[in-house]
C-alpha atoms as a PDB file:
ATOM      1  CA  MET A   1      18.429   0.715  -0.923  1.00  0.00           C
ATOM      2  CA  LYS A   2      16.570  -1.607   1.453  1.00  0.00           C
ATOM      3  CA  LEU A   3      12.827  -2.064   1.858  1.00  0.00           C
ATOM      4  CA  TYR A   4      11.748  -3.576   5.161  1.00  0.00           C
ATOM      5  CA  LEU A   5       8.436  -5.368   4.653  1.00  0.00           C
ATOM      6  CA  THR A   6       6.007  -7.892   6.031  1.00  0.00           C
ATOM      7  CA  PRO A   7       4.250 -10.176   3.526  1.00  0.00           C
ATOM      8  CA  ARG A   8       0.521  -9.391   3.218  1.00  0.00           C
ATOM      9  CA  GLY A   9       1.122  -6.107   5.018  1.00  0.00           C
ATOM     10  CA  TRP A  10       0.674  -2.550   3.858  1.00  0.00           C
ATOM     11  CA  SER A  11       4.352  -2.520   2.859  1.00  0.00           C
ATOM     12  CA  LEU A  12       3.220  -4.437  -0.238  1.00  0.00           C
ATOM     13  CA  ALA A  13       2.183  -1.071  -1.729  1.00  0.00           C
ATOM     14  CA  ASP A  14       5.742   0.235  -1.456  1.00  0.00           C
ATOM     15  CA  HIS A  15       7.123  -3.040  -2.793  1.00  0.00           C
ATOM     16  CA  ILE A  16       4.892  -2.770  -5.875  1.00  0.00           C
ATOM     17  CA  ALA A  17       5.689   0.919  -6.395  1.00  0.00           C
ATOM     18  CA  LEU A  18       9.446   0.360  -6.242  1.00  0.00           C
ATOM     19  CA  HIS A  19       9.128  -2.330  -8.927  1.00  0.00           C
ATOM     20  CA  GLU A  20       6.843  -0.096 -11.015  1.00  0.00           C
ATOM     21  CA  ALA A  21       9.505   2.626 -10.832  1.00  0.00           C
ATOM     22  CA  GLY A  22      12.230   0.205 -11.919  1.00  0.00           C
ATOM     23  CA  LEU A  23      14.316   0.973  -8.828  1.00  0.00           C
ATOM     24  CA  THR A  24      16.874  -1.501  -7.510  1.00  0.00           C
ATOM     25  CA  PHE A  25      16.411  -2.471  -3.868  1.00  0.00           C
ATOM     26  CA  ASP A  26      16.882  -5.283  -1.401  1.00  0.00           C
ATOM     27  CA  ARG A  27      13.899  -6.743   0.424  1.00  0.00           C
ATOM     28  CA  ILE A  28      14.183  -7.579   4.099  1.00  0.00           C
ATOM     29  CA  ARG A  29      11.319  -9.324   5.865  1.00  0.00           C
ATOM     30  CA  VAL A  30      10.271  -8.252   9.327  1.00  0.00           C
ATOM     31  CA  ASP A  31       8.358 -10.329  11.861  1.00  0.00           C
ATOM     32  CA  LEU A  32       6.105  -7.711  13.428  1.00  0.00           C
ATOM     33  CA  ARG A  33       5.340  -9.860  16.465  1.00  0.00           C
ATOM     34  CA  THR A  34       8.962 -10.341  17.484  1.00  0.00           C
ATOM     35  CA  LYS A  35      10.311  -7.146  15.834  1.00  0.00           C
ATOM     36  CA  ARG A  36      13.107  -9.205  14.292  1.00  0.00           C
ATOM     37  CA  THR A  37      14.405  -9.029  10.740  1.00  0.00           C
ATOM     38  CA  GLU A  38      14.821 -12.186   8.705  1.00  0.00           C
ATOM     39  CA  ASP A  39      18.545 -12.237   9.541  1.00  0.00           C
ATOM     40  CA  GLY A  40      17.779 -12.048  13.290  1.00  0.00           C
ATOM     41  CA  GLY A  41      18.415  -8.321  13.727  1.00  0.00           C
ATOM     42  CA  ASP A  42      16.431  -6.035  16.005  1.00  0.00           C
ATOM     43  CA  TYR A  43      14.065  -4.136  13.733  1.00  0.00           C
ATOM     44  CA  HIS A  44      13.819  -1.290  16.260  1.00  0.00           C
ATOM     45  CA  GLU A  45      17.415  -0.462  15.341  1.00  0.00           C
ATOM     46  CA  VAL A  46      16.190   0.236  11.799  1.00  0.00           C
ATOM     47  CA  ASN A  47      12.818   1.838  12.576  1.00  0.00           C
ATOM     48  CA  SER A  48      12.139   2.779  16.183  1.00  0.00           C
ATOM     49  CA  LYS A  49       8.387   2.878  15.361  1.00  0.00           C
ATOM     50  CA  GLY A  50       8.533  -0.912  15.135  1.00  0.00           C
ATOM     51  CA  TYR A  51       6.291  -1.344  12.104  1.00  0.00           C
ATOM     52  CA  VAL A  52       6.732  -1.506   8.348  1.00  0.00           C
ATOM     53  CA  PRO A  53       7.355  -0.106   5.848  1.00  0.00           C
ATOM     54  CA  ALA A  54      10.802   1.347   6.206  1.00  0.00           C
ATOM     55  CA  LEU A  55      12.981   2.314   3.281  1.00  0.00           C
ATOM     56  CA  VAL A  56      16.667   2.866   3.902  1.00  0.00           C
ATOM     57  CA  LEU A  57      18.104   4.927   1.081  1.00  0.00           C
ATOM     58  CA  ASP A  58      21.565   4.355  -0.350  1.00  0.00           C
ATOM     59  CA  ASP A  59      22.925   7.285   1.673  1.00  0.00           C
ATOM     60  CA  GLY A  60      21.563   5.754   4.892  1.00  0.00           C
ATOM     61  CA  GLN A  61      18.567   8.063   5.325  1.00  0.00           C
ATOM     62  CA  LEU A  62      15.393   6.403   6.572  1.00  0.00           C
ATOM     63  CA  LEU A  63      11.900   6.933   5.169  1.00  0.00           C
ATOM     64  CA  THR A  64       8.842   5.514   6.931  1.00  0.00           C
ATOM     65  CA  GLU A  65       5.079   5.669   6.353  1.00  0.00           C
ATOM     66  CA  ASN A  66       3.393   4.733   3.099  1.00  0.00           C
ATOM     67  CA  VAL A  67       2.491   8.291   2.123  1.00  0.00           C
ATOM     68  CA  ALA A  68       6.121   9.414   2.417  1.00  0.00           C
ATOM     69  CA  ILE A  69       7.652   6.395   0.692  1.00  0.00           C
ATOM     70  CA  LEU A  70       5.106   6.307  -2.118  1.00  0.00           C
ATOM     71  CA  SER A  71       5.505  10.066  -2.678  1.00  0.00           C
ATOM     72  CA  TRP A  72       9.287   9.635  -2.785  1.00  0.00           C
ATOM     73  CA  VAL A  73       8.935   6.844  -5.374  1.00  0.00           C
ATOM     74  CA  ALA A  74       6.628   9.012  -7.505  1.00  0.00           C
ATOM     75  CA  GLU A  75       9.194  11.826  -7.436  1.00  0.00           C
ATOM     76  CA  ARG A  76      11.777   9.425  -8.861  1.00  0.00           C
ATOM     77  CA  ALA A  77       9.353   8.009 -11.431  1.00  0.00           C
ATOM     78  CA  PRO A  78       6.969  10.831 -12.443  1.00  0.00           C
ATOM     79  CA  LYS A  79       4.979   8.407 -14.619  1.00  0.00           C
ATOM     80  CA  LEU A  80       3.607   7.039 -11.310  1.00  0.00           C
ATOM     81  CA  ALA A  81       1.876  10.312 -10.402  1.00  0.00           C
ATOM     82  CA  PRO A  82      -0.967  12.169 -12.074  1.00  0.00           C
ATOM     83  CA  ALA A  83       0.021  14.971 -14.422  1.00  0.00           C
ATOM     84  CA  GLY A  84      -1.055  18.586 -14.271  1.00  0.00           C
ATOM     85  CA  ASP A  85      -0.659  21.594 -12.034  1.00  0.00           C
ATOM     86  CA  LEU A  86      -2.227  19.852  -9.060  1.00  0.00           C
ATOM     87  CA  GLY A  87      -1.008  16.333  -9.909  1.00  0.00           C
ATOM     88  CA  ARG A  88       1.389  16.023  -6.981  1.00  0.00           C
ATOM     89  CA  ILE A  89      -1.163  17.487  -4.571  1.00  0.00           C
ATOM     90  CA  ARG A  90      -3.925  15.161  -5.841  1.00  0.00           C
ATOM     91  CA  LEU A  91      -1.576  12.231  -5.344  1.00  0.00           C
ATOM     92  CA  ILE A  92      -0.823  13.209  -1.734  1.00  0.00           C
ATOM     93  CA  GLU A  93      -4.519  13.845  -1.125  1.00  0.00           C
ATOM     94  CA  THR A  94      -5.395  10.357  -2.388  1.00  0.00           C
ATOM     95  CA  LEU A  95      -2.562   8.655  -0.488  1.00  0.00           C
ATOM     96  CA  ALA A  96      -3.607  10.426   2.715  1.00  0.00           C
ATOM     97  CA  PHE A  97      -7.231   9.351   2.228  1.00  0.00           C
ATOM     98  CA  ILE A  98      -6.281   5.722   1.644  1.00  0.00           C
ATOM     99  CA  GLY A  99      -3.891   5.771   4.603  1.00  0.00           C
ATOM    100  CA  SER A 100      -6.112   7.459   7.143  1.00  0.00           C
ATOM    101  CA  GLU A 101      -9.658   6.722   6.046  1.00  0.00           C
ATOM    102  CA  LEU A 102      -9.371   3.251   4.501  1.00  0.00           C
ATOM    103  CA  HIS A 103      -6.280   1.639   5.976  1.00  0.00           C
ATOM    104  CA  LYS A 104      -7.126   2.456   9.616  1.00  0.00           C
ATOM    105  CA  PRO A 105     -10.572   0.793   9.605  1.00  0.00           C
ATOM    106  CA  PHE A 106      -8.972  -2.362   8.193  1.00  0.00           C
ATOM    107  CA  VAL A 107      -6.660  -2.545  11.195  1.00  0.00           C
ATOM    108  CA  ARG A 108      -9.709  -2.275  13.482  1.00  0.00           C
ATOM    109  CA  HIS A 109     -11.446  -4.937  11.384  1.00  0.00           C
ATOM    110  CA  PHE A 110      -8.488  -7.329  11.657  1.00  0.00           C
ATOM    111  CA  PHE A 111      -7.949  -6.769  15.387  1.00  0.00           C
ATOM    112  CA  PRO A 112     -11.282  -5.710  16.918  1.00  0.00           C
ATOM    113  CA  THR A 113     -11.825  -5.454  20.649  1.00  0.00           C
ATOM    114  CA  SER A 114     -15.492  -6.398  20.175  1.00  0.00           C
ATOM    115  CA  ASP A 115     -18.019  -7.489  17.562  1.00  0.00           C
ATOM    116  CA  ALA A 116     -19.462  -3.978  17.640  1.00  0.00           C
ATOM    117  CA  GLU A 117     -16.076  -2.449  16.832  1.00  0.00           C
ATOM    118  CA  LYS A 118     -15.622  -4.888  13.956  1.00  0.00           C
ATOM    119  CA  LYS A 119     -19.041  -3.908  12.573  1.00  0.00           C
ATOM    120  CA  VAL A 120     -18.212  -0.186  12.804  1.00  0.00           C
ATOM    121  CA  ALA A 121     -14.947  -0.814  10.957  1.00  0.00           C
ATOM    122  CA  GLU A 122     -16.679  -2.884   8.279  1.00  0.00           C
ATOM    123  CA  ASP A 123     -19.268  -0.162   7.706  1.00  0.00           C
ATOM    124  CA  ALA A 124     -16.507   2.436   7.387  1.00  0.00           C
ATOM    125  CA  ILE A 125     -14.639   0.257   4.883  1.00  0.00           C
ATOM    126  CA  HIS A 126     -17.787  -0.145   2.766  1.00  0.00           C
ATOM    127  CA  ARG A 127     -18.483   3.613   2.749  1.00  0.00           C
ATOM    128  CA  ARG A 128     -14.925   4.518   1.894  1.00  0.00           C
ATOM    129  CA  LEU A 129     -14.555   1.912  -0.837  1.00  0.00           C
ATOM    130  CA  ALA A 130     -17.810   3.250  -2.331  1.00  0.00           C
ATOM    131  CA  PHE A 131     -16.370   6.777  -2.182  1.00  0.00           C
ATOM    132  CA  VAL A 132     -13.235   5.644  -4.031  1.00  0.00           C
ATOM    133  CA  ALA A 133     -15.239   3.597  -6.549  1.00  0.00           C
ATOM    134  CA  GLU A 134     -17.254   6.686  -7.523  1.00  0.00           C
ATOM    135  CA  ARG A 135     -14.049   8.577  -8.308  1.00  0.00           C
ATOM    136  CA  VAL A 136     -12.154   6.096 -10.466  1.00  0.00           C
ATOM    137  CA  ARG A 137     -11.479   7.890 -13.742  1.00  0.00           C
ATOM    138  CA  GLY A 138     -10.577   5.177 -16.220  1.00  0.00           C
ATOM    139  CA  ASP A 139      -8.602   2.014 -15.691  1.00  0.00           C
ATOM    140  CA  TYR A 140      -6.878   3.474 -12.625  1.00  0.00           C
ATOM    141  CA  LEU A 141      -7.537   6.114  -9.984  1.00  0.00           C
ATOM    142  CA  PHE A 142      -6.309   9.013 -12.111  1.00  0.00           C
ATOM    143  CA  GLY A 143      -7.088   7.727 -15.584  1.00  0.00           C
ATOM    144  CA  SER A 144      -5.353   5.379 -18.000  1.00  0.00           C
ATOM    145  CA  GLU A 145      -2.004   5.155 -16.184  1.00  0.00           C
ATOM    146  CA  ALA A 146      -1.256   3.499 -12.843  1.00  0.00           C
ATOM    147  CA  SER A 147       0.115   5.578  -9.988  1.00  0.00           C
ATOM    148  CA  VAL A 148       1.655   4.775  -6.624  1.00  0.00           C
ATOM    149  CA  ALA A 149      -1.815   5.401  -5.119  1.00  0.00           C
ATOM    150  CA  ASP A 150      -3.145   2.498  -7.181  1.00  0.00           C
ATOM    151  CA  ALA A 151      -0.608   0.219  -5.510  1.00  0.00           C
ATOM    152  CA  TYR A 152      -1.878   1.290  -2.082  1.00  0.00           C
ATOM    153  CA  LEU A 153      -5.533   0.874  -3.071  1.00  0.00           C
ATOM    154  CA  TYR A 154      -4.736  -2.561  -4.488  1.00  0.00           C
ATOM    155  CA  VAL A 155      -3.458  -3.695  -1.075  1.00  0.00           C
ATOM    156  CA  MET A 156      -6.696  -2.489   0.546  1.00  0.00           C
ATOM    157  CA  LEU A 157      -8.706  -4.473  -2.016  1.00  0.00           C
ATOM    158  CA  ARG A 158      -6.635  -7.602  -1.308  1.00  0.00           C
ATOM    159  CA  TRP A 159      -7.475  -7.176   2.348  1.00  0.00           C
ATOM    160  CA  ALA A 160     -11.178  -6.714   1.549  1.00  0.00           C
ATOM    161  CA  ARG A 161     -11.135  -9.971  -0.418  1.00  0.00           C
ATOM    162  CA  MET A 162      -9.302 -11.754   2.411  1.00  0.00           C
ATOM    163  CA  GLN A 163     -12.021 -10.594   4.833  1.00  0.00           C
ATOM    164  CA  GLU A 164     -14.765 -11.500   2.327  1.00  0.00           C
ATOM    165  CA  LEU A 165     -16.035  -7.926   2.218  1.00  0.00           C
ATOM    166  CA  GLN A 166     -18.138  -6.648  -0.659  1.00  0.00           C
ATOM    167  CA  ILE A 167     -16.133  -4.595  -3.153  1.00  0.00           C
ATOM    168  CA  PRO A 168     -18.152  -2.076  -5.193  1.00  0.00           C
ATOM    169  CA  GLU A 169     -17.905  -1.717  -8.966  1.00  0.00           C
ATOM    170  CA  PRO A 170     -15.630  -0.869 -10.760  1.00  0.00           C
ATOM    171  CA  LEU A 171     -13.056  -1.861  -8.126  1.00  0.00           C
ATOM    172  CA  PRO A 172     -13.081  -5.647  -8.778  1.00  0.00           C
ATOM    173  CA  ALA A 173     -11.974  -5.040 -12.383  1.00  0.00           C
ATOM    174  CA  PHE A 174      -9.398  -2.520 -11.129  1.00  0.00           C
ATOM    175  CA  GLY A 175      -7.989  -5.222  -8.834  1.00  0.00           C
ATOM    176  CA  LEU A 176      -7.692  -7.653 -11.742  1.00  0.00           C
ATOM    177  CA  ARG A 177      -5.906  -5.020 -13.862  1.00  0.00           C
ATOM    178  CA  MET A 178      -3.479  -4.406 -11.033  1.00  0.00           C
ATOM    179  CA  GLU A 179      -2.804  -8.133 -10.593  1.00  0.00           C
ATOM    180  CA  ALA A 180      -1.989  -8.393 -14.296  1.00  0.00           C
ATOM    181  CA  ARG A 181       0.776  -5.777 -13.985  1.00  0.00           C
ATOM    182  CA  PRO A 182       4.305  -7.260 -14.035  1.00  0.00           C
ATOM    183  CA  ALA A 183       5.401  -5.191 -11.024  1.00  0.00           C
ATOM    184  CA  VAL A 184       2.490  -6.483  -8.947  1.00  0.00           C
ATOM    185  CA  ARG A 185       3.120 -10.089  -9.971  1.00  0.00           C
ATOM    186  CA  GLN A 186       6.804  -9.679  -9.134  1.00  0.00           C
ATOM    187  CA  ALA A 187       6.093  -8.219  -5.665  1.00  0.00           C
ATOM    188  CA  LEU A 188       3.516 -10.934  -4.928  1.00  0.00           C
ATOM    189  CA  ARG A 189       6.013 -13.591  -5.976  1.00  0.00           C
ATOM    190  CA  HIS A 190       8.750 -12.076  -3.799  1.00  0.00           C
ATOM    191  CA  GLU A 191       6.422 -12.084  -0.811  1.00  0.00           C
ATOM    192  CA  GLY A 192       5.247 -15.650  -1.418  1.00  0.00           C
ATOM    193  CA  LEU A 193       1.691 -14.570  -2.168  1.00  0.00           C
ATOM    194  CA  THR A 194       1.212 -16.354  -5.499  1.00  0.00           C
END
């Protein structure tokens, strides 16, 4: 299995989740500006979308998009998803929210076309982080155990810190708990972020 990633990018969530699941995989860095892999290959030949993440399974099938990859990981490691009748659905609901409502404004915040657009994105980030903060149910999003959604939220919090944005309680402590996890430390080390 091969995970195509860009350090500091949203692919970090998949990197963390794969380690949390104890799955064996190779990591291949992608330069998103040039669309070249670390060995000089054309990344478009792997993922015609041209962005990360991409996960090539052992049988050659390709998975893209954080929601799909993180859901796939949780299916292989059920401990990384909330339990209960609606556990899988709540996981997808949370992943979709993080991906569409939190992740997207960060992209606009990083690459604004104007100061006004950056301000709109920042306001959206604050509102959506506050929404998430109100729903944390224990040490992690779904209670006492980490899920693949926690890995994705952790990446968003790293970005908020990088942009010096205010992070509402209890999310700063959540971020510290995530950083203490061996899988997170391992992914950060692999990506040269420690």
